[in-house]
Amino acid sequence: MTLKASDLPVGHTHKARLVEDLKRTQIVQYAGASGDYNPLHTDEIFTVQVAGYPSVFAHGMLTMGMTGKMLTDYVGDGRLTKFGVRFTSQVWPGDTLDAVATVDKVFEEGGHKLVDLTVTTTNQNGVDVLKGYAQARVD
């Protein structure tokens, strides 16, 4: 199914569960896939005893990647033209993350129909862990 501009009124939302009960194994797998072995994400002893955090925590880019997949599931592969975020809170093992994309604007530019989206990812406590924006081509 191709997303159509006529199906996207301003304020329309798309919601998705990104992960339920994030596992430490998933964080370590991401470290391997990304090559980012920062001990804050992989070494419990360092993170707790040296850095003073309660536990290791997920890479921000892992959260961004999961949120990006939600967006491409919504608008379709190869349709994102912009995607930017800021990380607003840490993501811990055991967290459940949900994301929402909200339509801000539907417009035409350079012969292409586009949609601007606001994106928010929250944890199981309703705390925003990521806020951002995206733009995508729509038919």
C-alpha atoms as a PDB file:
ATOM      1  CA  MET A   1       0.000   0.000   0.000  1.00  0.00           C
ATOM      2  CA  THR A   2       1.369   3.401  -0.971  1.00  0.00           C
ATOM      3  CA  LEU A   3       0.705   6.315   1.363  1.00  0.00           C
ATOM      4  CA  LYS A   4      -1.302   9.035  -0.369  1.00  0.00           C
ATOM      5  CA  ALA A   5      -1.242  12.739   0.472  1.00  0.00           C
ATOM      6  CA  SER A   6      -5.052  12.765   0.431  1.00  0.00           C
ATOM      7  CA  ASP A   7      -5.037  10.213   3.297  1.00  0.00           C
ATOM      8  CA  LEU A   8      -2.927  12.453   5.555  1.00  0.00           C
ATOM      9  CA  PRO A   9      -4.818  15.274   7.206  1.00  0.00           C
ATOM     10  CA  VAL A  10      -2.802  17.559   9.490  1.00  0.00           C
ATOM     11  CA  GLY A  11      -2.862  16.019  12.958  1.00  0.00           C
ATOM     12  CA  HIS A  12      -3.096  12.430  11.713  1.00  0.00           C
ATOM     13  CA  THR A  13      -0.967  10.093  13.828  1.00  0.00           C
ATOM     14  CA  HIS A  14       0.732   6.770  13.277  1.00  0.00           C
ATOM     15  CA  LYS A  15       1.713   4.814  16.386  1.00  0.00           C
ATOM     16  CA  ALA A  16       3.882   1.737  16.787  1.00  0.00           C
ATOM     17  CA  ARG A  17       5.519  -0.294  19.526  1.00  0.00           C
ATOM     18  CA  LEU A  18       9.256  -0.342  18.816  1.00  0.00           C
ATOM     19  CA  VAL A  19      10.402  -2.785  21.462  1.00  0.00           C
ATOM     20  CA  GLU A  20       8.954  -4.446  24.506  1.00  0.00           C
ATOM     21  CA  ASP A  21      11.353  -5.208  27.357  1.00  0.00           C
ATOM     22  CA  LEU A  22      14.601  -4.143  25.667  1.00  0.00           C
ATOM     23  CA  LYS A  23      17.249  -6.765  26.411  1.00  0.00           C
ATOM     24  CA  ARG A  24      20.910  -6.145  27.198  1.00  0.00           C
ATOM     25  CA  THR A  25      21.636  -8.607  24.407  1.00  0.00           C
ATOM     26  CA  GLN A  26      19.960  -6.237  21.914  1.00  0.00           C
ATOM     27  CA  ILE A  27      22.145  -3.379  23.162  1.00  0.00           C
ATOM     28  CA  VAL A  28      25.295  -5.490  22.796  1.00  0.00           C
ATOM     29  CA  GLN A  29      24.178  -6.667  19.341  1.00  0.00           C
ATOM     30  CA  TYR A  30      23.786  -3.037  18.323  1.00  0.00           C
ATOM     31  CA  ALA A  31      27.284  -2.295  19.663  1.00  0.00           C
ATOM     32  CA  GLY A  32      28.614  -5.039  17.391  1.00  0.00           C
ATOM     33  CA  ALA A  33      26.638  -3.908  14.367  1.00  0.00           C
ATOM     34  CA  SER A  34      27.622  -0.252  14.791  1.00  0.00           C
ATOM     35  CA  GLY A  35      31.163  -0.752  16.054  1.00  0.00           C
ATOM     36  CA  ASP A  36      30.355   1.497  19.041  1.00  0.00           C
ATOM     37  CA  TYR A  37      31.686  -0.404  22.043  1.00  0.00           C
ATOM     38  CA  ASN A  38      31.569   2.538  24.450  1.00  0.00           C
ATOM     39  CA  PRO A  39      31.647   0.904  27.902  1.00  0.00           C
ATOM     40  CA  LEU A  40      28.590   2.932  28.957  1.00  0.00           C
ATOM     41  CA  HIS A  41      26.611   0.623  26.684  1.00  0.00           C
ATOM     42  CA  THR A  42      28.438  -2.670  27.216  1.00  0.00           C
ATOM     43  CA  ASP A  43      30.290  -2.797  30.556  1.00  0.00           C
ATOM     44  CA  GLU A  44      28.034  -2.923  33.618  1.00  0.00           C
ATOM     45  CA  ILE A  45      30.876  -2.628  36.135  1.00  0.00           C
ATOM     46  CA  PHE A  46      32.389   0.435  34.431  1.00  0.00           C
ATOM     47  CA  THR A  47      29.002   2.073  33.960  1.00  0.00           C
ATOM     48  CA  VAL A  48      27.929   1.597  37.590  1.00  0.00           C
ATOM     49  CA  GLN A  49      31.194   1.883  39.535  1.00  0.00           C
ATOM     50  CA  VAL A  50      33.134   4.406  37.465  1.00  0.00           C
ATOM     51  CA  ALA A  51      30.527   6.456  35.597  1.00  0.00           C
ATOM     52  CA  GLY A  52      27.881   6.335  38.355  1.00  0.00           C
ATOM     53  CA  TYR A  53      24.892   5.261  36.277  1.00  0.00           C
ATOM     54  CA  PRO A  54      22.467   2.627  37.577  1.00  0.00           C
ATOM     55  CA  SER A  55      23.131   0.322  34.600  1.00  0.00           C
ATOM     56  CA  VAL A  56      24.323   0.230  31.021  1.00  0.00           C
ATOM     57  CA  PHE A  57      22.004   2.048  28.637  1.00  0.00           C
ATOM     58  CA  ALA A  58      21.130   1.874  24.952  1.00  0.00           C
ATOM     59  CA  HIS A  59      22.934   3.824  22.250  1.00  0.00           C
ATOM     60  CA  GLY A  60      20.931   6.835  21.130  1.00  0.00           C
ATOM     61  CA  MET A  61      21.355   5.650  17.573  1.00  0.00           C
ATOM     62  CA  LEU A  62      19.687   2.339  18.459  1.00  0.00           C
ATOM     63  CA  THR A  63      16.612   4.293  19.537  1.00  0.00           C
ATOM     64  CA  MET A  64      16.852   6.440  16.399  1.00  0.00           C
ATOM     65  CA  GLY A  65      17.172   3.340  14.216  1.00  0.00           C
ATOM     66  CA  MET A  66      14.100   1.704  15.733  1.00  0.00           C
ATOM     67  CA  THR A  67      12.174   4.960  15.339  1.00  0.00           C
ATOM     68  CA  GLY A  68      13.377   5.248  11.730  1.00  0.00           C
ATOM     69  CA  LYS A  69      12.073   1.758  10.994  1.00  0.00           C
ATOM     70  CA  MET A  70       8.662   2.822  12.322  1.00  0.00           C
ATOM     71  CA  LEU A  71       8.770   5.762   9.899  1.00  0.00           C
ATOM     72  CA  THR A  72       9.705   3.667   6.864  1.00  0.00           C
ATOM     73  CA  ASP A  73       7.046   1.108   7.801  1.00  0.00           C
ATOM     74  CA  TYR A  74       4.592   4.033   7.722  1.00  0.00           C
ATOM     75  CA  VAL A  75       5.680   6.006   4.639  1.00  0.00           C
ATOM     76  CA  GLY A  76       7.466   3.248   2.707  1.00  0.00           C
ATOM     77  CA  ASP A  77      11.065   2.354   1.926  1.00  0.00           C
ATOM     78  CA  GLY A  78      13.083   4.984   0.103  1.00  0.00           C
ATOM     79  CA  ARG A  79      10.580   7.774   0.811  1.00  0.00           C
ATOM     80  CA  LEU A  80      12.194   9.598   3.742  1.00  0.00           C
ATOM     81  CA  THR A  81      13.897  12.782   2.585  1.00  0.00           C
ATOM     82  CA  LYS A  82      14.765  14.158   6.048  1.00  0.00           C
ATOM     83  CA  PHE A  83      15.034  12.638   9.519  1.00  0.00           C
ATOM     84  CA  GLY A  84      16.561  14.299  12.545  1.00  0.00           C
ATOM     85  CA  VAL A  85      16.266  13.757  16.274  1.00  0.00           C
ATOM     86  CA  ARG A  86      17.526  14.761  19.655  1.00  0.00           C
ATOM     87  CA  PHE A  87      17.830  12.301  22.492  1.00  0.00           C
ATOM     88  CA  THR A  88      15.945  13.526  25.552  1.00  0.00           C
ATOM     89  CA  SER A  89      16.349  10.672  28.042  1.00  0.00           C
ATOM     90  CA  GLN A  90      18.283   7.431  28.356  1.00  0.00           C
ATOM     91  CA  VAL A  91      16.868   4.082  27.338  1.00  0.00           C
ATOM     92  CA  TRP A  92      17.543   1.298  29.834  1.00  0.00           C
ATOM     93  CA  PRO A  93      17.402  -2.485  29.634  1.00  0.00           C
ATOM     94  CA  GLY A  94      13.812  -3.533  30.320  1.00  0.00           C
ATOM     95  CA  ASP A  95      12.309  -0.426  28.718  1.00  0.00           C
ATOM     96  CA  THR A  96       9.358  -0.649  26.372  1.00  0.00           C
ATOM     97  CA  LEU A  97       9.363   1.997  23.648  1.00  0.00           C
ATOM     98  CA  ASP A  98       6.468   3.374  21.630  1.00  0.00           C
ATOM     99  CA  ALA A  99       6.736   5.921  18.823  1.00  0.00           C
ATOM    100  CA  VAL A 100       4.262   8.362  17.319  1.00  0.00           C
ATOM    101  CA  ALA A 101       4.555  10.234  14.026  1.00  0.00           C
ATOM    102  CA  THR A 102       2.186  13.199  13.669  1.00  0.00           C
ATOM    103  CA  VAL A 103       1.424  14.924  10.361  1.00  0.00           C
ATOM    104  CA  ASP A 104       2.337  18.621  10.575  1.00  0.00           C
ATOM    105  CA  LYS A 105       2.038  19.627   6.937  1.00  0.00           C
ATOM    106  CA  VAL A 106       1.239  18.118   3.534  1.00  0.00           C
ATOM    107  CA  PHE A 107       2.489  20.120   0.564  1.00  0.00           C
ATOM    108  CA  GLU A 108       3.910  20.006  -2.938  1.00  0.00           C
ATOM    109  CA  GLU A 109       7.431  21.113  -3.825  1.00  0.00           C
ATOM    110  CA  GLY A 110       9.384  20.607  -7.014  1.00  0.00           C
ATOM    111  CA  GLY A 111       6.645  18.424  -8.439  1.00  0.00           C
ATOM    112  CA  HIS A 112       6.674  16.077  -5.425  1.00  0.00           C
ATOM    113  CA  LYS A 113       4.052  15.681  -2.731  1.00  0.00           C
ATOM    114  CA  LEU A 114       5.677  15.777   0.713  1.00  0.00           C
ATOM    115  CA  VAL A 115       4.635  15.343   4.311  1.00  0.00           C
ATOM    116  CA  ASP A 116       6.321  16.898   7.351  1.00  0.00           C
ATOM    117  CA  LEU A 117       6.092  14.812  10.519  1.00  0.00           C
ATOM    118  CA  THR A 118       6.848  15.337  14.187  1.00  0.00           C
ATOM    119  CA  VAL A 119       8.205  12.203  15.813  1.00  0.00           C
ATOM    120  CA  THR A 120       8.253  11.267  19.496  1.00  0.00           C
ATOM    121  CA  THR A 121       9.411   8.060  21.146  1.00  0.00           C
ATOM    122  CA  THR A 122       8.450   7.408  24.759  1.00  0.00           C
ATOM    123  CA  ASN A 123       9.175   4.729  27.334  1.00  0.00           C
ATOM    124  CA  GLN A 124       6.706   2.727  29.405  1.00  0.00           C
ATOM    125  CA  ASN A 125       6.535   5.552  31.968  1.00  0.00           C
ATOM    126  CA  GLY A 126       5.495   8.129  29.361  1.00  0.00           C
ATOM    127  CA  VAL A 127       8.925   9.787  29.387  1.00  0.00           C
ATOM    128  CA  ASP A 128      10.049  11.134  26.010  1.00  0.00           C
ATOM    129  CA  VAL A 129      13.363   9.523  25.071  1.00  0.00           C
ATOM    130  CA  LEU A 130      13.555  10.947  21.537  1.00  0.00           C
ATOM    131  CA  LYS A 131      11.994  13.943  19.776  1.00  0.00           C
ATOM    132  CA  GLY A 132      12.456  14.704  16.148  1.00  0.00           C
ATOM    133  CA  TYR A 133      11.156  15.451  12.700  1.00  0.00           C
ATOM    134  CA  ALA A 134      10.906  13.712   9.370  1.00  0.00           C
ATOM    135  CA  GLN A 135       9.874  14.535   5.844  1.00  0.00           C
ATOM    136  CA  ALA A 136       8.772  11.998   3.269  1.00  0.00           C
ATOM    137  CA  ARG A 137       7.585  11.803  -0.314  1.00  0.00           C
ATOM    138  CA  VAL A 138       3.980  10.654  -0.657  1.00  0.00           C
ATOM    139  CA  ASP A 139       1.899   9.929  -3.745  1.00  0.00           C
END
